[in-house]
Amino acid sequence: IYFGLPGNPVSALVTFWRFVQPALRKLSGLPHGWEPTFVQAKTRQDLRSDGKRESYLWGQLHLVNGLYEFSLTTGSYSSGNLINLAGTNCLGMISIGQTQITAGDALQVLQT
């Protein structure tokens, strides 16, 4: 099996978390728990996307009073900025066609 990853460091890591990690878990023989884990969370900030493709935003997932909350990581979102990416524990997902999620609204979050 061969997994091709993008050359951009951040894109490679996001692609790994989204597609390769679950495939490797399944191929290793795990009968359950290999699927990516998505949870619904309330966002603490306004989130934006161009809506042309599924977008993933680096962030932190917090459990507050039994409910998940998503917050963006601080700092630069440059494609080569692995320092900020290293501090994430999730990816907020904005679906195709969706251009904005308002603070306080729900979004799907991939736990990494």
PDB file of N, CA and C in Angstrom:
ATOM      1  N   ILE A   1       0.845  -1.174   0.000  1.00  0.00           N
ATOM      2  CA  ILE A   1       0.000   0.000   0.000  1.00  0.00           C
ATOM      3  C   ILE A   1       0.887   1.232   0.000  1.00  0.00           C
ATOM      4  N   TYR A   2       0.435   2.228  -0.731  1.00  0.00           N
ATOM      5  CA  TYR A   2       1.151   3.489  -0.841  1.00  0.00           C
ATOM      6  C   TYR A   2       0.196   4.628  -0.507  1.00  0.00           C
ATOM      7  N   PHE A   3       0.611   5.531   0.351  1.00  0.00           N
ATOM      8  CA  PHE A   3      -0.169   6.721   0.670  1.00  0.00           C
ATOM      9  C   PHE A   3       0.606   7.932   0.172  1.00  0.00           C
ATOM     10  N   GLY A   4       0.030   8.672  -0.749  1.00  0.00           N
ATOM     11  CA  GLY A   4       0.650   9.900  -1.240  1.00  0.00           C
ATOM     12  C   GLY A   4       0.161  11.082  -0.417  1.00  0.00           C
ATOM     13  N   LEU A   5       1.081  11.856   0.104  1.00  0.00           N
ATOM     14  CA  LEU A   5       0.728  13.029   0.913  1.00  0.00           C
ATOM     15  C   LEU A   5       1.187  14.295   0.204  1.00  0.00           C
ATOM     16  N   PRO A   6       0.503  15.409   0.425  1.00  0.00           N
ATOM     17  CA  PRO A   6       0.927  16.678  -0.171  1.00  0.00           C
ATOM     18  C   PRO A   6       2.313  17.081   0.335  1.00  0.00           C
ATOM     19  N   GLY A   7       2.990  17.930  -0.420  1.00  0.00           N
ATOM     20  CA  GLY A   7       4.312  18.411  -0.023  1.00  0.00           C
ATOM     21  C   GLY A   7       4.260  19.487   1.046  1.00  0.00           C
ATOM     22  N   ASN A   8       3.170  20.196   1.139  1.00  0.00           N
ATOM     23  CA  ASN A   8       2.999  21.229   2.153  1.00  0.00           C
ATOM     24  C   ASN A   8       2.923  20.547   3.526  1.00  0.00           C
ATOM     25  N   PRO A   9       3.752  20.948   4.487  1.00  0.00           N
ATOM     26  CA  PRO A   9       3.784  20.250   5.781  1.00  0.00           C
ATOM     27  C   PRO A   9       2.443  20.200   6.508  1.00  0.00           C
ATOM     28  N   VAL A  10       1.722  21.306   6.541  1.00  0.00           N
ATOM     29  CA  VAL A  10       0.434  21.324   7.237  1.00  0.00           C
ATOM     30  C   VAL A  10      -0.580  20.464   6.496  1.00  0.00           C
ATOM     31  N   SER A  11      -0.626  20.580   5.179  1.00  0.00           N
ATOM     32  CA  SER A  11      -1.550  19.758   4.386  1.00  0.00           C
ATOM     33  C   SER A  11      -1.246  18.277   4.555  1.00  0.00           C
ATOM     34  N   ALA A  12       0.034  17.931   4.625  1.00  0.00           N
ATOM     35  CA  ALA A  12       0.417  16.530   4.815  1.00  0.00           C
ATOM     36  C   ALA A  12      -0.092  16.003   6.157  1.00  0.00           C
ATOM     37  N   LEU A  13       0.030  16.796   7.201  1.00  0.00           N
ATOM     38  CA  LEU A  13      -0.417  16.348   8.520  1.00  0.00           C
ATOM     39  C   LEU A  13      -1.940  16.240   8.581  1.00  0.00           C
ATOM     40  N   VAL A  14      -2.635  17.216   8.015  1.00  0.00           N
ATOM     41  CA  VAL A  14      -4.100  17.160   7.992  1.00  0.00           C
ATOM     42  C   VAL A  14      -4.569  15.943   7.195  1.00  0.00           C
ATOM     43  N   THR A  15      -3.952  15.692   6.045  1.00  0.00           N
ATOM     44  CA  THR A  15      -4.305  14.527   5.225  1.00  0.00           C
ATOM     45  C   THR A  15      -4.014  13.234   5.974  1.00  0.00           C
ATOM     46  N   PHE A  16      -2.900  13.199   6.694  1.00  0.00           N
ATOM     47  CA  PHE A  16      -2.579  12.013   7.483  1.00  0.00           C
ATOM     48  C   PHE A  16      -3.650  11.756   8.532  1.00  0.00           C
ATOM     49  N   TRP A  17      -3.996  12.794   9.312  1.00  0.00           N
ATOM     50  CA  TRP A  17      -5.012  12.631  10.366  1.00  0.00           C
ATOM     51  C   TRP A  17      -6.357  12.231   9.794  1.00  0.00           C
ATOM     52  N   ARG A  18      -6.712  12.811   8.641  1.00  0.00           N
ATOM     53  CA  ARG A  18      -8.055  12.598   8.082  1.00  0.00           C
ATOM     54  C   ARG A  18      -8.188  11.248   7.387  1.00  0.00           C
ATOM     55  N   PHE A  19      -7.155  10.791   6.665  1.00  0.00           N
ATOM     56  CA  PHE A  19      -7.292   9.608   5.822  1.00  0.00           C
ATOM     57  C   PHE A  19      -6.318   8.467   6.138  1.00  0.00           C
ATOM     58  N   VAL A  20      -5.034   8.797   6.330  1.00  0.00           N
ATOM     59  CA  VAL A  20      -4.025   7.744   6.475  1.00  0.00           C
ATOM     60  C   VAL A  20      -4.108   7.068   7.840  1.00  0.00           C
ATOM     61  N   GLN A  21      -4.197   7.824   8.915  1.00  0.00           N
ATOM     62  CA  GLN A  21      -4.255   7.241  10.255  1.00  0.00           C
ATOM     63  C   GLN A  21      -5.408   6.249  10.398  1.00  0.00           C
ATOM     64  N   PRO A  22      -6.640   6.594   9.961  1.00  0.00           N
ATOM     65  CA  PRO A  22      -7.723   5.608  10.056  1.00  0.00           C
ATOM     66  C   PRO A  22      -7.461   4.359   9.206  1.00  0.00           C
ATOM     67  N   ALA A  23      -6.879   4.552   8.024  1.00  0.00           N
ATOM     68  CA  ALA A  23      -6.584   3.403   7.163  1.00  0.00           C
ATOM     69  C   ALA A  23      -5.556   2.485   7.815  1.00  0.00           C
ATOM     70  N   LEU A  24      -4.515   3.058   8.401  1.00  0.00           N
ATOM     71  CA  LEU A  24      -3.497   2.241   9.074  1.00  0.00           C
ATOM     72  C   LEU A  24      -4.080   1.500  10.272  1.00  0.00           C
ATOM     73  N   ARG A  25      -4.955   2.157  10.997  1.00  0.00           N
ATOM     74  CA  ARG A  25      -5.599   1.493  12.138  1.00  0.00           C
ATOM     75  C   ARG A  25      -6.441   0.311  11.673  1.00  0.00           C
ATOM     76  N   LYS A  26      -7.194   0.512  10.602  1.00  0.00           N
ATOM     77  CA  LYS A  26      -8.029  -0.583  10.095  1.00  0.00           C
ATOM     78  C   LYS A  26      -7.159  -1.716   9.559  1.00  0.00           C
ATOM     79  N   LEU A  27      -6.119  -1.364   8.809  1.00  0.00           N
ATOM     80  CA  LEU A  27      -5.227  -2.380   8.254  1.00  0.00           C
ATOM     81  C   LEU A  27      -4.481  -3.148   9.342  1.00  0.00           C
ATOM     82  N   SER A  28      -4.308  -2.534  10.512  1.00  0.00           N
ATOM     83  CA  SER A  28      -3.606  -3.212  11.607  1.00  0.00           C
ATOM     84  C   SER A  28      -4.478  -4.262  12.281  1.00  0.00           C
ATOM     85  N   GLY A  29      -5.767  -4.295  11.892  1.00  0.00           N
ATOM     86  CA  GLY A  29      -6.645  -5.325  12.422  1.00  0.00           C
ATOM     87  C   GLY A  29      -7.616  -4.863  13.484  1.00  0.00           C
ATOM     88  N   LEU A  30      -7.644  -3.578  13.782  1.00  0.00           N
ATOM     89  CA  LEU A  30      -8.601  -3.096  14.781  1.00  0.00           C
ATOM     90  C   LEU A  30     -10.026  -3.316  14.276  1.00  0.00           C
ATOM     91  N   PRO A  31     -10.831  -4.065  15.014  1.00  0.00           N
ATOM     92  CA  PRO A  31     -12.204  -4.296  14.564  1.00  0.00           C
ATOM     93  C   PRO A  31     -13.093  -3.068  14.763  1.00  0.00           C
ATOM     94  N   HIS A  32     -12.765  -2.231  15.744  1.00  0.00           N
ATOM     95  CA  HIS A  32     -13.542  -1.030  16.047  1.00  0.00           C
ATOM     96  C   HIS A  32     -12.576   0.083  16.420  1.00  0.00           C
ATOM     97  N   GLY A  33     -13.040   1.301  16.342  1.00  0.00           N
ATOM     98  CA  GLY A  33     -12.231   2.424  16.791  1.00  0.00           C
ATOM     99  C   GLY A  33     -11.232   2.937  15.782  1.00  0.00           C
ATOM    100  N   TRP A  34     -11.269   2.431  14.554  1.00  0.00           N
ATOM    101  CA  TRP A  34     -10.326   2.918  13.550  1.00  0.00           C
ATOM    102  C   TRP A  34     -10.863   4.134  12.798  1.00  0.00           C
ATOM    103  N   GLU A  35     -12.192   4.350  12.867  1.00  0.00           N
ATOM    104  CA  GLU A  35     -12.790   5.463  12.150  1.00  0.00           C
ATOM    105  C   GLU A  35     -12.369   6.793  12.777  1.00  0.00           C
ATOM    106  N   PRO A  36     -12.277   7.853  11.961  1.00  0.00           N
ATOM    107  CA  PRO A  36     -12.000   9.168  12.546  1.00  0.00           C
ATOM    108  C   PRO A  36     -13.095   9.531  13.546  1.00  0.00           C
ATOM    109  N   THR A  37     -12.720  10.174  14.628  1.00  0.00           N
ATOM    110  CA  THR A  37     -13.678  10.549  15.665  1.00  0.00           C
ATOM    111  C   THR A  37     -14.065  12.013  15.506  1.00  0.00           C
ATOM    112  N   PHE A  38     -15.329  12.226  15.134  1.00  0.00           N
ATOM    113  CA  PHE A  38     -15.872  13.579  15.029  1.00  0.00           C
ATOM    114  C   PHE A  38     -16.819  13.819  16.197  1.00  0.00           C
ATOM    115  N   VAL A  39     -16.761  15.012  16.756  1.00  0.00           N
ATOM    116  CA  VAL A  39     -17.707  15.423  17.789  1.00  0.00           C
ATOM    117  C   VAL A  39     -18.296  16.769  17.372  1.00  0.00           C
ATOM    118  N   GLN A  40     -19.450  17.077  17.910  1.00  0.00           N
ATOM    119  CA  GLN A  40     -20.050  18.381  17.660  1.00  0.00           C
ATOM    120  C   GLN A  40     -19.632  19.312  18.785  1.00  0.00           C
ATOM    121  N   ALA A  41     -19.178  20.504  18.406  1.00  0.00           N
ATOM    122  CA  ALA A  41     -18.708  21.471  19.397  1.00  0.00           C
ATOM    123  C   ALA A  41     -19.227  22.861  19.060  1.00  0.00           C
ATOM    124  N   LYS A  42     -19.333  23.680  20.083  1.00  0.00           N
ATOM    125  CA  LYS A  42     -19.699  25.085  19.901  1.00  0.00           C
ATOM    126  C   LYS A  42     -18.412  25.865  19.667  1.00  0.00           C
ATOM    127  N   THR A  43     -18.402  26.708  18.643  1.00  0.00           N
ATOM    128  CA  THR A  43     -17.204  27.487  18.365  1.00  0.00           C
ATOM    129  C   THR A  43     -17.175  28.761  19.205  1.00  0.00           C
ATOM    130  N   ARG A  44     -15.988  29.122  19.647  1.00  0.00           N
ATOM    131  CA  ARG A  44     -15.821  30.331  20.460  1.00  0.00           C
ATOM    132  C   ARG A  44     -15.585  31.573  19.600  1.00  0.00           C
ATOM    133  N   GLN A  45     -15.226  31.366  18.317  1.00  0.00           N
ATOM    134  CA  GLN A  45     -14.964  32.492  17.422  1.00  0.00           C
ATOM    135  C   GLN A  45     -15.766  32.325  16.135  1.00  0.00           C
ATOM    136  N   ASP A  46     -15.900  33.425  15.383  1.00  0.00           N
ATOM    137  CA  ASP A  46     -16.443  33.335  14.033  1.00  0.00           C
ATOM    138  C   ASP A  46     -15.423  32.603  13.167  1.00  0.00           C
ATOM    139  N   LEU A  47     -15.891  31.696  12.333  1.00  0.00           N
ATOM    140  CA  LEU A  47     -15.026  30.927  11.445  1.00  0.00           C
ATOM    141  C   LEU A  47     -15.441  31.195  10.008  1.00  0.00           C
ATOM    142  N   ARG A  48     -14.452  31.264   9.107  1.00  0.00           N
ATOM    143  CA  ARG A  48     -14.747  31.548   7.707  1.00  0.00           C
ATOM    144  C   ARG A  48     -14.018  30.585   6.778  1.00  0.00           C
ATOM    145  N   SER A  49     -14.637  30.385   5.617  1.00  0.00           N
ATOM    146  CA  SER A  49     -14.055  29.565   4.561  1.00  0.00           C
ATOM    147  C   SER A  49     -14.557  30.113   3.234  1.00  0.00           C
ATOM    148  N   ASP A  50     -13.860  29.784   2.136  1.00  0.00           N
ATOM    149  CA  ASP A  50     -14.347  30.231   0.826  1.00  0.00           C
ATOM    150  C   ASP A  50     -15.497  29.359   0.323  1.00  0.00           C
ATOM    151  N   GLY A  51     -15.743  28.231   0.979  1.00  0.00           N
ATOM    152  CA  GLY A  51     -16.859  27.362   0.622  1.00  0.00           C
ATOM    153  C   GLY A  51     -16.608  26.461  -0.566  1.00  0.00           C
ATOM    154  N   LYS A  52     -15.442  26.563  -1.189  1.00  0.00           N
ATOM    155  CA  LYS A  52     -15.152  25.782  -2.396  1.00  0.00           C
ATOM    156  C   LYS A  52     -14.744  24.347  -2.101  1.00  0.00           C
ATOM    157  N   ARG A  53     -14.282  24.100  -0.898  1.00  0.00           N
ATOM    158  CA  ARG A  53     -13.853  22.747  -0.522  1.00  0.00           C
ATOM    159  C   ARG A  53     -14.024  22.580   0.981  1.00  0.00           C
ATOM    160  N   GLU A  54     -13.936  21.345   1.430  1.00  0.00           N
ATOM    161  CA  GLU A  54     -13.973  21.078   2.864  1.00  0.00           C
ATOM    162  C   GLU A  54     -12.735  21.728   3.478  1.00  0.00           C
ATOM    163  N   SER A  55     -12.913  22.515   4.518  1.00  0.00           N
ATOM    164  CA  SER A  55     -11.795  23.221   5.145  1.00  0.00           C
ATOM    165  C   SER A  55     -11.598  22.724   6.564  1.00  0.00           C
ATOM    166  N   TYR A  56     -10.336  22.649   6.970  1.00  0.00           N
ATOM    167  CA  TYR A  56      -9.983  22.207   8.316  1.00  0.00           C
ATOM    168  C   TYR A  56      -9.216  23.323   9.011  1.00  0.00           C
ATOM    169  N   LEU A  57      -9.660  23.677  10.209  1.00  0.00           N
ATOM    170  CA  LEU A  57      -9.043  24.746  10.987  1.00  0.00           C
ATOM    171  C   LEU A  57      -8.412  24.158  12.239  1.00  0.00           C
ATOM    172  N   TRP A  58      -7.161  24.506  12.503  1.00  0.00           N
ATOM    173  CA  TRP A  58      -6.451  23.991  13.667  1.00  0.00           C
ATOM    174  C   TRP A  58      -7.048  24.592  14.914  1.00  0.00           C
ATOM    175  N   GLY A  59      -7.173  23.780  15.928  1.00  0.00           N
ATOM    176  CA  GLY A  59      -7.751  24.322  17.142  1.00  0.00           C
ATOM    177  C   GLY A  59      -7.554  23.471  18.373  1.00  0.00           C
ATOM    178  N   GLN A  60      -8.214  23.921  19.416  1.00  0.00           N
ATOM    179  CA  GLN A  60      -8.228  23.235  20.701  1.00  0.00           C
ATOM    180  C   GLN A  60      -9.669  22.863  21.018  1.00  0.00           C
ATOM    181  N   LEU A  61      -9.857  21.648  21.471  1.00  0.00           N
ATOM    182  CA  LEU A  61     -11.167  21.168  21.885  1.00  0.00           C
ATOM    183  C   LEU A  61     -11.171  21.107  23.403  1.00  0.00           C
ATOM    184  N   HIS A  62     -12.151  21.762  24.005  1.00  0.00           N
ATOM    185  CA  HIS A  62     -12.273  21.804  25.459  1.00  0.00           C
ATOM    186  C   HIS A  62     -13.620  21.233  25.857  1.00  0.00           C
ATOM    187  N   LEU A  63     -13.660  20.507  26.958  1.00  0.00           N
ATOM    188  CA  LEU A  63     -14.916  20.007  27.516  1.00  0.00           C
ATOM    189  C   LEU A  63     -15.304  20.941  28.660  1.00  0.00           C
ATOM    190  N   VAL A  64     -16.401  21.692  28.466  1.00  0.00           N
ATOM    191  CA  VAL A  64     -16.846  22.683  29.445  1.00  0.00           C
ATOM    192  C   VAL A  64     -18.264  22.331  29.867  1.00  0.00           C
ATOM    193  N   ASN A  65     -18.428  21.980  31.143  1.00  0.00           N
ATOM    194  CA  ASN A  65     -19.745  21.605  31.678  1.00  0.00           C
ATOM    195  C   ASN A  65     -20.423  20.524  30.836  1.00  0.00           C
ATOM    196  N   GLY A  66     -19.634  19.552  30.409  1.00  0.00           N
ATOM    197  CA  GLY A  66     -20.177  18.421  29.661  1.00  0.00           C
ATOM    198  C   GLY A  66     -20.396  18.672  28.181  1.00  0.00           C
ATOM    199  N   LEU A  67     -20.049  19.867  27.681  1.00  0.00           N
ATOM    200  CA  LEU A  67     -20.215  20.189  26.266  1.00  0.00           C
ATOM    201  C   LEU A  67     -18.865  20.560  25.664  1.00  0.00           C
ATOM    202  N   TYR A  68     -18.651  20.156  24.405  1.00  0.00           N
ATOM    203  CA  TYR A  68     -17.401  20.491  23.726  1.00  0.00           C
ATOM    204  C   TYR A  68     -17.443  21.919  23.199  1.00  0.00           C
ATOM    205  N   GLU A  69     -16.299  22.599  23.324  1.00  0.00           N
ATOM    206  CA  GLU A  69     -16.119  23.926  22.750  1.00  0.00           C
ATOM    207  C   GLU A  69     -14.844  23.918  21.923  1.00  0.00           C
ATOM    208  N   PHE A  70     -14.906  24.564  20.764  1.00  0.00           N
ATOM    209  CA  PHE A  70     -13.778  24.646  19.838  1.00  0.00           C
ATOM    210  C   PHE A  70     -13.250  26.071  19.816  1.00  0.00           C
ATOM    211  N   SER A  71     -11.926  26.207  19.920  1.00  0.00           N
ATOM    212  CA  SER A  71     -11.300  27.520  19.759  1.00  0.00           C
ATOM    213  C   SER A  71     -10.115  27.380  18.813  1.00  0.00           C
ATOM    214  N   LEU A  72      -9.937  28.392  17.977  1.00  0.00           N
ATOM    215  CA  LEU A  72      -8.812  28.398  17.047  1.00  0.00           C
ATOM    216  C   LEU A  72      -7.504  28.544  17.809  1.00  0.00           C
ATOM    217  N   THR A  73      -6.448  27.948  17.276  1.00  0.00           N
ATOM    218  CA  THR A  73      -5.131  28.194  17.856  1.00  0.00           C
ATOM    219  C   THR A  73      -4.723  29.619  17.513  1.00  0.00           C
ATOM    220  N   THR A  74      -3.893  30.197  18.333  1.00  0.00           N
ATOM    221  CA  THR A  74      -3.436  31.562  18.088  1.00  0.00           C
ATOM    222  C   THR A  74      -2.190  31.531  17.223  1.00  0.00           C
ATOM    223  N   GLY A  75      -1.853  32.655  16.657  1.00  0.00           N
ATOM    224  CA  GLY A  75      -0.649  32.761  15.850  1.00  0.00           C
ATOM    225  C   GLY A  75      -0.928  32.612  14.368  1.00  0.00           C
ATOM    226  N   SER A  76       0.136  32.421  13.635  1.00  0.00           N
ATOM    227  CA  SER A  76       0.081  32.364  12.177  1.00  0.00           C
ATOM    228  C   SER A  76      -0.495  31.044  11.672  1.00  0.00           C
ATOM    229  N   TYR A  77      -1.304  31.138  10.631  1.00  0.00           N
ATOM    230  CA  TYR A  77      -1.826  29.947   9.961  1.00  0.00           C
ATOM    231  C   TYR A  77      -1.031  29.658   8.698  1.00  0.00           C
ATOM    232  N   SER A  78       0.223  30.057   8.672  1.00  0.00           N
ATOM    233  CA  SER A  78       1.096  29.811   7.529  1.00  0.00           C
ATOM    234  C   SER A  78       1.254  28.313   7.312  1.00  0.00           C
ATOM    235  N   SER A  79       1.373  27.912   6.050  1.00  0.00           N
ATOM    236  CA  SER A  79       1.441  26.490   5.720  1.00  0.00           C
ATOM    237  C   SER A  79       2.675  25.794   6.286  1.00  0.00           C
ATOM    238  N   GLY A  80       3.687  26.548   6.626  1.00  0.00           N
ATOM    239  CA  GLY A  80       4.881  25.932   7.179  1.00  0.00           C
ATOM    240  C   GLY A  80       5.010  26.084   8.683  1.00  0.00           C
ATOM    241  N   ASN A  81       4.001  26.618   9.341  1.00  0.00           N
ATOM    242  CA  ASN A  81       4.073  26.895  10.774  1.00  0.00           C
ATOM    243  C   ASN A  81       3.675  25.661  11.587  1.00  0.00           C
ATOM    244  N   LEU A  82       4.635  24.797  11.815  1.00  0.00           N
ATOM    245  CA  LEU A  82       4.361  23.571  12.559  1.00  0.00           C
ATOM    246  C   LEU A  82       4.316  23.800  14.065  1.00  0.00           C
ATOM    247  N   ILE A  83       4.853  24.918  14.539  1.00  0.00           N
ATOM    248  CA  ILE A  83       4.834  25.190  15.974  1.00  0.00           C
ATOM    249  C   ILE A  83       3.397  25.357  16.455  1.00  0.00           C
ATOM    250  N   ASN A  84       2.595  26.162  15.767  1.00  0.00           N
ATOM    251  CA  ASN A  84       1.196  26.323  16.171  1.00  0.00           C
ATOM    252  C   ASN A  84       0.414  25.039  15.952  1.00  0.00           C
ATOM    253  N   LEU A  85       0.706  24.326  14.889  1.00  0.00           N
ATOM    254  CA  LEU A  85       0.006  23.072  14.615  1.00  0.00           C
ATOM    255  C   LEU A  85       0.296  22.041  15.702  1.00  0.00           C
ATOM    256  N   ALA A  86       1.498  22.081  16.267  1.00  0.00           N
ATOM    257  CA  ALA A  86       1.860  21.125  17.319  1.00  0.00           C
ATOM    258  C   ALA A  86       1.012  21.314  18.570  1.00  0.00           C
ATOM    259  N   GLY A  87       0.443  22.496  18.764  1.00  0.00           N
ATOM    260  CA  GLY A  87      -0.373  22.757  19.935  1.00  0.00           C
ATOM    261  C   GLY A  87      -1.847  22.442  19.749  1.00  0.00           C
ATOM    262  N   THR A  88      -2.204  21.831  18.635  1.00  0.00           N
ATOM    263  CA  THR A  88      -3.618  21.536  18.391  1.00  0.00           C
ATOM    264  C   THR A  88      -3.980  20.140  18.885  1.00  0.00           C
ATOM    265  N   ASN A  89      -5.247  19.938  19.197  1.00  0.00           N
ATOM    266  CA  ASN A  89      -5.726  18.594  19.524  1.00  0.00           C
ATOM    267  C   ASN A  89      -6.962  18.237  18.702  1.00  0.00           C
ATOM    268  N   CYS A  90      -7.252  19.095  17.691  1.00  0.00           N
ATOM    269  CA  CYS A  90      -8.421  18.824  16.856  1.00  0.00           C
ATOM    270  C   CYS A  90      -8.365  19.680  15.600  1.00  0.00           C
ATOM    271  N   LEU A  91      -9.247  19.352  14.681  1.00  0.00           N
ATOM    272  CA  LEU A  91      -9.438  20.143  13.469  1.00  0.00           C
ATOM    273  C   LEU A  91     -10.922  20.460  13.335  1.00  0.00           C
ATOM    274  N   GLY A  92     -11.265  21.731  13.303  1.00  0.00           N
ATOM    275  CA  GLY A  92     -12.642  22.128  13.046  1.00  0.00           C
ATOM    276  C   GLY A  92     -12.919  21.992  11.561  1.00  0.00           C
ATOM    277  N   MET A  93     -14.056  21.418  11.200  1.00  0.00           N
ATOM    278  CA  MET A  93     -14.364  21.158   9.797  1.00  0.00           C
ATOM    279  C   MET A  93     -15.486  22.072   9.318  1.00  0.00           C
ATOM    280  N   ILE A  94     -15.214  22.774   8.215  1.00  0.00           N
ATOM    281  CA  ILE A  94     -16.237  23.575   7.554  1.00  0.00           C
ATOM    282  C   ILE A  94     -16.555  22.873   6.238  1.00  0.00           C
ATOM    283  N   SER A  95     -17.814  22.547   6.033  1.00  0.00           N
ATOM    284  CA  SER A  95     -18.238  21.756   4.874  1.00  0.00           C
ATOM    285  C   SER A  95     -18.205  22.567   3.581  1.00  0.00           C
ATOM    286  N   ILE A  96     -18.189  21.847   2.469  1.00  0.00           N
ATOM    287  CA  ILE A  96     -18.271  22.464   1.146  1.00  0.00           C
ATOM    288  C   ILE A  96     -19.553  23.291   1.076  1.00  0.00           C
ATOM    289  N   GLY A  97     -19.451  24.480   0.526  1.00  0.00           N
ATOM    290  CA  GLY A  97     -20.606  25.356   0.381  1.00  0.00           C
ATOM    291  C   GLY A  97     -20.875  26.232   1.586  1.00  0.00           C
ATOM    292  N   GLN A  98     -20.240  25.929   2.702  1.00  0.00           N
ATOM    293  CA  GLN A  98     -20.431  26.728   3.915  1.00  0.00           C
ATOM    294  C   GLN A  98     -19.321  27.772   3.975  1.00  0.00           C
ATOM    295  N   THR A  99     -19.672  29.024   4.178  1.00  0.00           N
ATOM    296  CA  THR A  99     -18.671  30.091   4.176  1.00  0.00           C
ATOM    297  C   THR A  99     -18.433  30.710   5.547  1.00  0.00           C
ATOM    298  N   GLN A 100     -19.361  30.518   6.470  1.00  0.00           N
ATOM    299  CA  GLN A 100     -19.186  31.118   7.793  1.00  0.00           C
ATOM    300  C   GLN A 100     -19.909  30.304   8.855  1.00  0.00           C
ATOM    301  N   ILE A 101     -19.288  30.217  10.016  1.00  0.00           N
ATOM    302  CA  ILE A 101     -19.921  29.678  11.218  1.00  0.00           C
ATOM    303  C   ILE A 101     -19.752  30.754  12.285  1.00  0.00           C
ATOM    304  N   THR A 102     -20.842  31.204  12.831  1.00  0.00           N
ATOM    305  CA  THR A 102     -20.838  32.291  13.809  1.00  0.00           C
ATOM    306  C   THR A 102     -20.477  31.758  15.193  1.00  0.00           C
ATOM    307  N   ALA A 103     -19.747  32.570  15.956  1.00  0.00           N
ATOM    308  CA  ALA A 103     -19.399  32.199  17.335  1.00  0.00           C
ATOM    309  C   ALA A 103     -20.655  31.767  18.077  1.00  0.00           C
ATOM    310  N   GLY A 104     -20.559  30.636  18.763  1.00  0.00           N
ATOM    311  CA  GLY A 104     -21.692  30.085  19.498  1.00  0.00           C
ATOM    312  C   GLY A 104     -22.432  29.008  18.735  1.00  0.00           C
ATOM    313  N   ASP A 105     -22.222  28.943  17.405  1.00  0.00           N
ATOM    314  CA  ASP A 105     -22.860  27.904  16.597  1.00  0.00           C
ATOM    315  C   ASP A 105     -22.053  26.610  16.666  1.00  0.00           C
ATOM    316  N   ALA A 106     -22.670  25.527  16.244  1.00  0.00           N
ATOM    317  CA  ALA A 106     -22.032  24.210  16.292  1.00  0.00           C
ATOM    318  C   ALA A 106     -21.279  23.917  14.999  1.00  0.00           C
ATOM    319  N   LEU A 107     -20.227  23.129  15.122  1.00  0.00           N
ATOM    320  CA  LEU A 107     -19.502  22.614  13.973  1.00  0.00           C
ATOM    321  C   LEU A 107     -18.989  21.225  14.304  1.00  0.00           C
ATOM    322  N   GLN A 108     -18.648  20.486  13.260  1.00  0.00           N
ATOM    323  CA  GLN A 108     -18.057  19.161  13.426  1.00  0.00           C
ATOM    324  C   GLN A 108     -16.563  19.332  13.678  1.00  0.00           C
ATOM    325  N   VAL A 109     -16.032  18.575  14.626  1.00  0.00           N
ATOM    326  CA  VAL A 109     -14.622  18.676  14.986  1.00  0.00           C
ATOM    327  C   VAL A 109     -14.007  17.284  14.971  1.00  0.00           C
ATOM    328  N   LEU A 110     -12.880  17.159  14.277  1.00  0.00           N
ATOM    329  CA  LEU A 110     -12.128  15.909  14.213  1.00  0.00           C
ATOM    330  C   LEU A 110     -11.125  15.893  15.351  1.00  0.00           C
ATOM    331  N   GLN A 111     -11.247  14.906  16.242  1.00  0.00           N
ATOM    332  CA  GLN A 111     -10.268  14.751  17.323  1.00  0.00           C
ATOM    333  C   GLN A 111      -9.039  14.068  16.752  1.00  0.00           C
ATOM    334  N   THR A 112      -7.849  14.597  17.057  1.00  0.00           N
ATOM    335  CA  THR A 112      -6.628  14.041  16.469  1.00  0.00           C
ATOM    336  C   THR A 112      -5.863  13.204  17.444  1.00  0.00           C
TER     337      THR A 112
END
